[in-house]
PDB file of N, CA and C in Angstrom:
ATOM      1  N   MET A   1       0.817  -1.191   0.000  1.00  0.00           N
ATOM      2  CA  MET A   1       0.000   0.000   0.000  1.00  0.00           C
ATOM      3  C   MET A   1       0.864   1.259   0.000  1.00  0.00           C
ATOM      4  N   ALA A   2       1.947   1.242   0.750  1.00  0.00           N
ATOM      5  CA  ALA A   2       2.827   2.414   0.810  1.00  0.00           C
ATOM      6  C   ALA A   2       3.466   2.687  -0.544  1.00  0.00           C
ATOM      7  N   ALA A   3       3.775   1.626  -1.294  1.00  0.00           N
ATOM      8  CA  ALA A   3       4.376   1.804  -2.617  1.00  0.00           C
ATOM      9  C   ALA A   3       3.413   2.521  -3.556  1.00  0.00           C
ATOM     10  N   ALA A   4       2.123   2.217  -3.438  1.00  0.00           N
ATOM     11  CA  ALA A   4       1.127   2.879  -4.281  1.00  0.00           C
ATOM     12  C   ALA A   4       1.036   4.364  -3.941  1.00  0.00           C
ATOM     13  N   ILE A   5       1.131   4.688  -2.666  1.00  0.00           N
ATOM     14  CA  ILE A   5       1.087   6.089  -2.249  1.00  0.00           C
ATOM     15  C   ILE A   5       2.327   6.813  -2.746  1.00  0.00           C
ATOM     16  N   ASP A   6       3.502   6.208  -2.611  1.00  0.00           N
ATOM     17  CA  ASP A   6       4.739   6.821  -3.086  1.00  0.00           C
ATOM     18  C   ASP A   6       4.678   7.069  -4.587  1.00  0.00           C
ATOM     19  N   THR A   7       4.146   6.128  -5.350  1.00  0.00           N
ATOM     20  CA  THR A   7       4.023   6.275  -6.793  1.00  0.00           C
ATOM     21  C   THR A   7       3.085   7.425  -7.131  1.00  0.00           C
ATOM     22  N   CYS A   8       2.000   7.556  -6.391  1.00  0.00           N
ATOM     23  CA  CYS A   8       1.039   8.635  -6.622  1.00  0.00           C
ATOM     24  C   CYS A   8       1.684   9.992  -6.351  1.00  0.00           C
ATOM     25  N   VAL A   9       2.458  10.095  -5.277  1.00  0.00           N
ATOM     26  CA  VAL A   9       3.134  11.356  -4.945  1.00  0.00           C
ATOM     27  C   VAL A   9       4.158  11.690  -6.013  1.00  0.00           C
ATOM     28  N   LEU A  10       4.933  10.720  -6.463  1.00  0.00           N
ATOM     29  CA  LEU A  10       5.926  10.964  -7.507  1.00  0.00           C
ATOM     30  C   LEU A  10       5.262  11.415  -8.797  1.00  0.00           C
ATOM     31  N   GLU A  11       4.101  10.841  -9.105  1.00  0.00           N
ATOM     32  CA  GLU A  11       3.376  11.240 -10.311  1.00  0.00           C
ATOM     33  C   GLU A  11       2.945  12.705 -10.226  1.00  0.00           C
ATOM     34  N   LEU A  12       2.567  13.171  -9.038  1.00  0.00           N
ATOM     35  CA  LEU A  12       2.176  14.575  -8.872  1.00  0.00           C
ATOM     36  C   LEU A  12       3.330  15.510  -9.189  1.00  0.00           C
ATOM     37  N   TYR A  13       4.554  15.105  -8.875  1.00  0.00           N
ATOM     38  CA  TYR A  13       5.715  15.964  -9.081  1.00  0.00           C
ATOM     39  C   TYR A  13       6.147  16.031 -10.546  1.00  0.00           C
ATOM     40  N   HIS A  14       5.605  15.165 -11.393  1.00  0.00           N
ATOM     41  CA  HIS A  14       6.026  15.121 -12.798  1.00  0.00           C
ATOM     42  C   HIS A  14       5.014  15.724 -13.761  1.00  0.00           C
ATOM     43  N   ARG A  15       3.942  16.283 -13.232  1.00  0.00           N
ATOM     44  CA  ARG A  15       2.937  16.895 -14.095  1.00  0.00           C
ATOM     45  C   ARG A  15       2.314  18.073 -13.369  1.00  0.00           C
ATOM     46  N   PRO A  16       1.792  19.026 -14.112  1.00  0.00           N
ATOM     47  CA  PRO A  16       1.085  20.140 -13.466  1.00  0.00           C
ATOM     48  C   PRO A  16      -0.179  19.637 -12.770  1.00  0.00           C
ATOM     49  N   CYS A  17      -0.467  20.156 -11.588  1.00  0.00           N
ATOM     50  CA  CYS A  17      -1.624  19.729 -10.802  1.00  0.00           C
ATOM     51  C   CYS A  17      -2.646  20.845 -10.732  1.00  0.00           C
ATOM     52  N   SER A  18      -3.884  20.462 -10.584  1.00  0.00           N
ATOM     53  CA  SER A  18      -4.933  21.460 -10.374  1.00  0.00           C
ATOM     54  C   SER A  18      -4.756  22.071  -8.992  1.00  0.00           C
ATOM     55  N   MET A  19      -5.416  23.180  -8.773  1.00  0.00           N
ATOM     56  CA  MET A  19      -5.349  23.838  -7.464  1.00  0.00           C
ATOM     57  C   MET A  19      -5.874  22.909  -6.374  1.00  0.00           C
ATOM     58  N   LYS A  20      -6.934  22.177  -6.680  1.00  0.00           N
ATOM     59  CA  LYS A  20      -7.517  21.264  -5.696  1.00  0.00           C
ATOM     60  C   LYS A  20      -6.547  20.138  -5.348  1.00  0.00           C
ATOM     61  N   GLU A  21      -5.927  19.532  -6.365  1.00  0.00           N
ATOM     62  CA  GLU A  21      -4.952  18.461  -6.118  1.00  0.00           C
ATOM     63  C   GLU A  21      -3.770  18.970  -5.304  1.00  0.00           C
ATOM     64  N   ALA A  22      -3.261  20.141  -5.671  1.00  0.00           N
ATOM     65  CA  ALA A  22      -2.105  20.703  -4.967  1.00  0.00           C
ATOM     66  C   ALA A  22      -2.453  21.020  -3.522  1.00  0.00           C
ATOM     67  N   ALA A  23      -3.610  21.619  -3.290  1.00  0.00           N
ATOM     68  CA  ALA A  23      -4.022  21.948  -1.925  1.00  0.00           C
ATOM     69  C   ALA A  23      -4.184  20.688  -1.089  1.00  0.00           C
ATOM     70  N   ASN A  24      -4.779  19.662  -1.664  1.00  0.00           N
ATOM     71  CA  ASN A  24      -4.932  18.396  -0.940  1.00  0.00           C
ATOM     72  C   ASN A  24      -3.574  17.785  -0.604  1.00  0.00           C
ATOM     73  N   HIS A  25      -2.664  17.805  -1.557  1.00  0.00           N
ATOM     74  CA  HIS A  25      -1.346  17.235  -1.328  1.00  0.00           C
ATOM     75  C   HIS A  25      -0.577  18.006  -0.249  1.00  0.00           C
ATOM     76  N   LEU A  26      -0.704  19.328  -0.272  1.00  0.00           N
ATOM     77  CA  LEU A  26       0.011  20.170   0.698  1.00  0.00           C
ATOM     78  C   LEU A  26      -0.719  20.284   2.034  1.00  0.00           C
ATOM     79  N   GLN A  27      -1.937  19.759   2.081  1.00  0.00           N
ATOM     80  CA  GLN A  27      -2.781  19.794   3.271  1.00  0.00           C
ATOM     81  C   GLN A  27      -3.061  21.228   3.719  1.00  0.00           C
ATOM     82  N   ILE A  28      -3.397  22.067   2.743  1.00  0.00           N
ATOM     83  CA  ILE A  28      -3.832  23.433   3.006  1.00  0.00           C
ATOM     84  C   ILE A  28      -5.145  23.635   2.264  1.00  0.00           C
ATOM     85  N   SER A  29      -5.845  24.689   2.575  1.00  0.00           N
ATOM     86  CA  SER A  29      -7.118  24.942   1.892  1.00  0.00           C
ATOM     87  C   SER A  29      -6.865  25.496   0.492  1.00  0.00           C
ATOM     88  N   GLU A  30      -7.841  25.294  -0.369  1.00  0.00           N
ATOM     89  CA  GLU A  30      -7.742  25.851  -1.716  1.00  0.00           C
ATOM     90  C   GLU A  30      -7.691  27.378  -1.656  1.00  0.00           C
ATOM     91  N   ARG A  31      -8.399  27.979  -0.710  1.00  0.00           N
ATOM     92  CA  ARG A  31      -8.415  29.440  -0.557  1.00  0.00           C
ATOM     93  C   ARG A  31      -7.013  29.941  -0.188  1.00  0.00           C
ATOM     94  N   HIS A  32      -6.323  29.245   0.722  1.00  0.00           N
ATOM     95  CA  HIS A  32      -4.972  29.656   1.113  1.00  0.00           C
ATOM     96  C   HIS A  32      -4.028  29.559  -0.089  1.00  0.00           C
ATOM     97  N   LEU A  33      -4.152  28.486  -0.855  1.00  0.00           N
ATOM     98  CA  LEU A  33      -3.315  28.326  -2.047  1.00  0.00           C
ATOM     99  C   LEU A  33      -3.634  29.417  -3.068  1.00  0.00           C
ATOM    100  N   ALA A  34      -4.909  29.754  -3.221  1.00  0.00           N
ATOM    101  CA  ALA A  34      -5.293  30.830  -4.134  1.00  0.00           C
ATOM    102  C   ALA A  34      -4.717  32.169  -3.677  1.00  0.00           C
ATOM    103  N   ASN A  35      -4.720  32.403  -2.374  1.00  0.00           N
ATOM    104  CA  ASN A  35      -4.131  33.635  -1.843  1.00  0.00           C
ATOM    105  C   ASN A  35      -2.625  33.677  -2.114  1.00  0.00           C
ATOM    106  N   LEU A  36      -1.943  32.544  -1.940  1.00  0.00           N
ATOM    107  CA  LEU A  36      -0.504  32.486  -2.205  1.00  0.00           C
ATOM    108  C   LEU A  36      -0.205  32.747  -3.679  1.00  0.00           C
ATOM    109  N   THR A  37      -1.039  32.233  -4.568  1.00  0.00           N
ATOM    110  CA  THR A  37      -0.814  32.469  -5.994  1.00  0.00           C
ATOM    111  C   THR A  37      -1.121  33.921  -6.356  1.00  0.00           C
ATOM    112  N   ALA A  38      -2.144  34.505  -5.728  1.00  0.00           N
ATOM    113  CA  ALA A  38      -2.480  35.912  -5.987  1.00  0.00           C
ATOM    114  C   ALA A  38      -1.355  36.836  -5.535  1.00  0.00           C
ATOM    115  N   GLU A  39      -0.660  36.442  -4.469  1.00  0.00           N
ATOM    116  CA  GLU A  39       0.470  37.230  -3.951  1.00  0.00           C
ATOM    117  C   GLU A  39       1.773  36.924  -4.700  1.00  0.00           C
ATOM    118  N   LYS A  40       1.682  36.090  -5.732  1.00  0.00           N
ATOM    119  CA  LYS A  40       2.846  35.687  -6.543  1.00  0.00           C
ATOM    120  C   LYS A  40       3.905  34.951  -5.718  1.00  0.00           C
ATOM    121  N   ARG A  41       3.443  34.246  -4.677  1.00  0.00           N
ATOM    122  CA  ARG A  41       4.368  33.473  -3.849  1.00  0.00           C
ATOM    123  C   ARG A  41       4.444  32.023  -4.306  1.00  0.00           C
ATOM    124  N   VAL A  42       3.546  31.650  -5.212  1.00  0.00           N
ATOM    125  CA  VAL A  42       3.530  30.312  -5.805  1.00  0.00           C
ATOM    126  C   VAL A  42       3.439  30.482  -7.312  1.00  0.00           C
ATOM    127  N   ARG A  43       4.328  29.821  -8.030  1.00  0.00           N
ATOM    128  CA  ARG A  43       4.349  29.900  -9.495  1.00  0.00           C
ATOM    129  C   ARG A  43       3.230  29.039 -10.066  1.00  0.00           C
ATOM    130  N   THR A  44       2.541  29.562 -11.064  1.00  0.00           N
ATOM    131  CA  THR A  44       1.446  28.825 -11.692  1.00  0.00           C
ATOM    132  C   THR A  44       1.609  28.816 -13.208  1.00  0.00           C
ATOM    133  N   ILE A  45       0.848  27.946 -13.833  1.00  0.00           N
ATOM    134  CA  ILE A  45       0.755  27.866 -15.291  1.00  0.00           C
ATOM    135  C   ILE A  45      -0.717  28.058 -15.637  1.00  0.00           C
ATOM    136  N   ARG A  46      -0.996  28.940 -16.572  1.00  0.00           N
ATOM    137  CA  ARG A  46      -2.373  29.135 -17.016  1.00  0.00           C
ATOM    138  C   ARG A  46      -2.557  28.451 -18.364  1.00  0.00           C
ATOM    139  N   LEU A  47      -3.564  27.604 -18.437  1.00  0.00           N
ATOM    140  CA  LEU A  47      -3.938  26.929 -19.673  1.00  0.00           C
ATOM    141  C   LEU A  47      -5.371  27.343 -19.979  1.00  0.00           C
ATOM    142  N   GLY A  48      -5.519  28.435 -20.720  1.00  0.00           N
ATOM    143  CA  GLY A  48      -6.849  29.003 -20.917  1.00  0.00           C
ATOM    144  C   GLY A  48      -7.330  29.562 -19.599  1.00  0.00           C
ATOM    145  N   ARG A  49      -8.465  29.066 -19.117  1.00  0.00           N
ATOM    146  CA  ARG A  49      -8.984  29.504 -17.822  1.00  0.00           C
ATOM    147  C   ARG A  49      -8.504  28.625 -16.680  1.00  0.00           C
ATOM    148  N   CYS A  50      -7.852  27.528 -17.013  1.00  0.00           N
ATOM    149  CA  CYS A  50      -7.375  26.593 -15.983  1.00  0.00           C
ATOM    150  C   CYS A  50      -6.049  27.073 -15.402  1.00  0.00           C
ATOM    151  N   VAL A  51      -5.912  26.955 -14.095  1.00  0.00           N
ATOM    152  CA  VAL A  51      -4.673  27.297 -13.407  1.00  0.00           C
ATOM    153  C   VAL A  51      -4.075  25.996 -12.892  1.00  0.00           C
ATOM    154  N   ARG A  52      -2.803  25.778 -13.179  1.00  0.00           N
ATOM    155  CA  ARG A  52      -2.106  24.570 -12.738  1.00  0.00           C
ATOM    156  C   ARG A  52      -0.851  24.950 -11.968  1.00  0.00           C
ATOM    157  N   ILE A  53      -0.488  24.111 -11.021  1.00  0.00           N
ATOM    158  CA  ILE A  53       0.742  24.274 -10.253  1.00  0.00           C
ATOM    159  C   ILE A  53       1.752  23.290 -10.831  1.00  0.00           C
ATOM    160  N   PRO A  54       2.913  23.769 -11.300  1.00  0.00           N
ATOM    161  CA  PRO A  54       3.914  22.847 -11.844  1.00  0.00           C
ATOM    162  C   PRO A  54       4.391  21.853 -10.783  1.00  0.00           C
ATOM    163  N   GLY A  55       4.753  20.672 -11.230  1.00  0.00           N
ATOM    164  CA  GLY A  55       5.239  19.649 -10.306  1.00  0.00           C
ATOM    165  C   GLY A  55       6.461  20.095  -9.522  1.00  0.00           C
ATOM    166  N   THR A  56       7.351  20.843 -10.178  1.00  0.00           N
ATOM    167  CA  THR A  56       8.548  21.321  -9.486  1.00  0.00           C
ATOM    168  C   THR A  56       8.185  22.303  -8.376  1.00  0.00           C
ATOM    169  N   GLU A  57       7.171  23.127  -8.617  1.00  0.00           N
ATOM    170  CA  GLU A  57       6.715  24.077  -7.599  1.00  0.00           C
ATOM    171  C   GLU A  57       6.052  23.345  -6.443  1.00  0.00           C
ATOM    172  N   LEU A  58       5.287  22.315  -6.753  1.00  0.00           N
ATOM    173  CA  LEU A  58       4.641  21.516  -5.724  1.00  0.00           C
ATOM    174  C   LEU A  58       5.686  20.841  -4.842  1.00  0.00           C
ATOM    175  N   LYS A  59       6.729  20.323  -5.472  1.00  0.00           N
ATOM    176  CA  LYS A  59       7.811  19.672  -4.726  1.00  0.00           C
ATOM    177  C   LYS A  59       8.520  20.696  -3.831  1.00  0.00           C
ATOM    178  N   ARG A  60       8.752  21.904  -4.348  1.00  0.00           N
ATOM    179  CA  ARG A  60       9.401  22.956  -3.561  1.00  0.00           C
ATOM    180  C   ARG A  60       8.552  23.323  -2.352  1.00  0.00           C
ATOM    181  N   LEU A  61       7.263  23.487  -2.559  1.00  0.00           N
ATOM    182  CA  LEU A  61       6.367  23.834  -1.458  1.00  0.00           C
ATOM    183  C   LEU A  61       6.307  22.723  -0.415  1.00  0.00           C
ATOM    184  N   ALA A  62       6.314  21.483  -0.876  1.00  0.00           N
ATOM    185  CA  ALA A  62       6.251  20.354   0.051  1.00  0.00           C
ATOM    186  C   ALA A  62       7.516  20.257   0.896  1.00  0.00           C
ATOM    187  N   SER A  63       8.662  20.574   0.303  1.00  0.00           N
ATOM    188  CA  SER A  63       9.908  20.449   1.053  1.00  0.00           C
ATOM    189  C   SER A  63      10.170  21.659   1.953  1.00  0.00           C
ATOM    190  N   GLU A  64       9.821  22.869   1.497  1.00  0.00           N
ATOM    191  CA  GLU A  64      10.088  24.080   2.275  1.00  0.00           C
ATOM    192  C   GLU A  64       8.956  24.420   3.242  1.00  0.00           C
ATOM    193  N   GLY A  65       7.760  24.009   2.920  1.00  0.00           N
ATOM    194  CA  GLY A  65       6.615  24.380   3.732  1.00  0.00           C
ATOM    195  C   GLY A  65       6.040  25.701   3.279  1.00  0.00           C
ATOM    196  N   CYS A  66       4.792  25.920   3.533  1.00  0.00           N
ATOM    197  CA  CYS A  66       4.110  27.124   3.064  1.00  0.00           C
ATOM    198  C   CYS A  66       4.469  28.358   3.864  1.00  0.00           C
ATOM    199  N   SER A  67       4.948  28.192   5.087  1.00  0.00           N
ATOM    200  CA  SER A  67       5.297  29.369   5.879  1.00  0.00           C
ATOM    201  C   SER A  67       6.548  30.046   5.339  1.00  0.00           C
ATOM    202  N   ASN A  68       7.378  29.302   4.617  1.00  0.00           N
ATOM    203  CA  ASN A  68       8.607  29.863   4.042  1.00  0.00           C
ATOM    204  C   ASN A  68       8.409  30.390   2.646  1.00  0.00           C
ATOM    205  N   VAL A  69       7.210  30.277   2.096  1.00  0.00           N
ATOM    206  CA  VAL A  69       6.969  30.666   0.713  1.00  0.00           C
ATOM    207  C   VAL A  69       7.051  32.151   0.566  1.00  0.00           C
TER     208      VAL A  69
END
């Protein structure tokens, strides 16, 4: 079971994630993540109207924590 979770986490780091996926992974609210992106403290990718968090940014946030962003 742990291997499946590790594979899922690694997959998140290799593709852009939706705001909901990123917030769930970081264990923060979507509103807090939206505030961080509005303050330009989190890098995003816009695909039309969709906003995505790059995997590298998600990995950075997970390792540094949101208080250091």
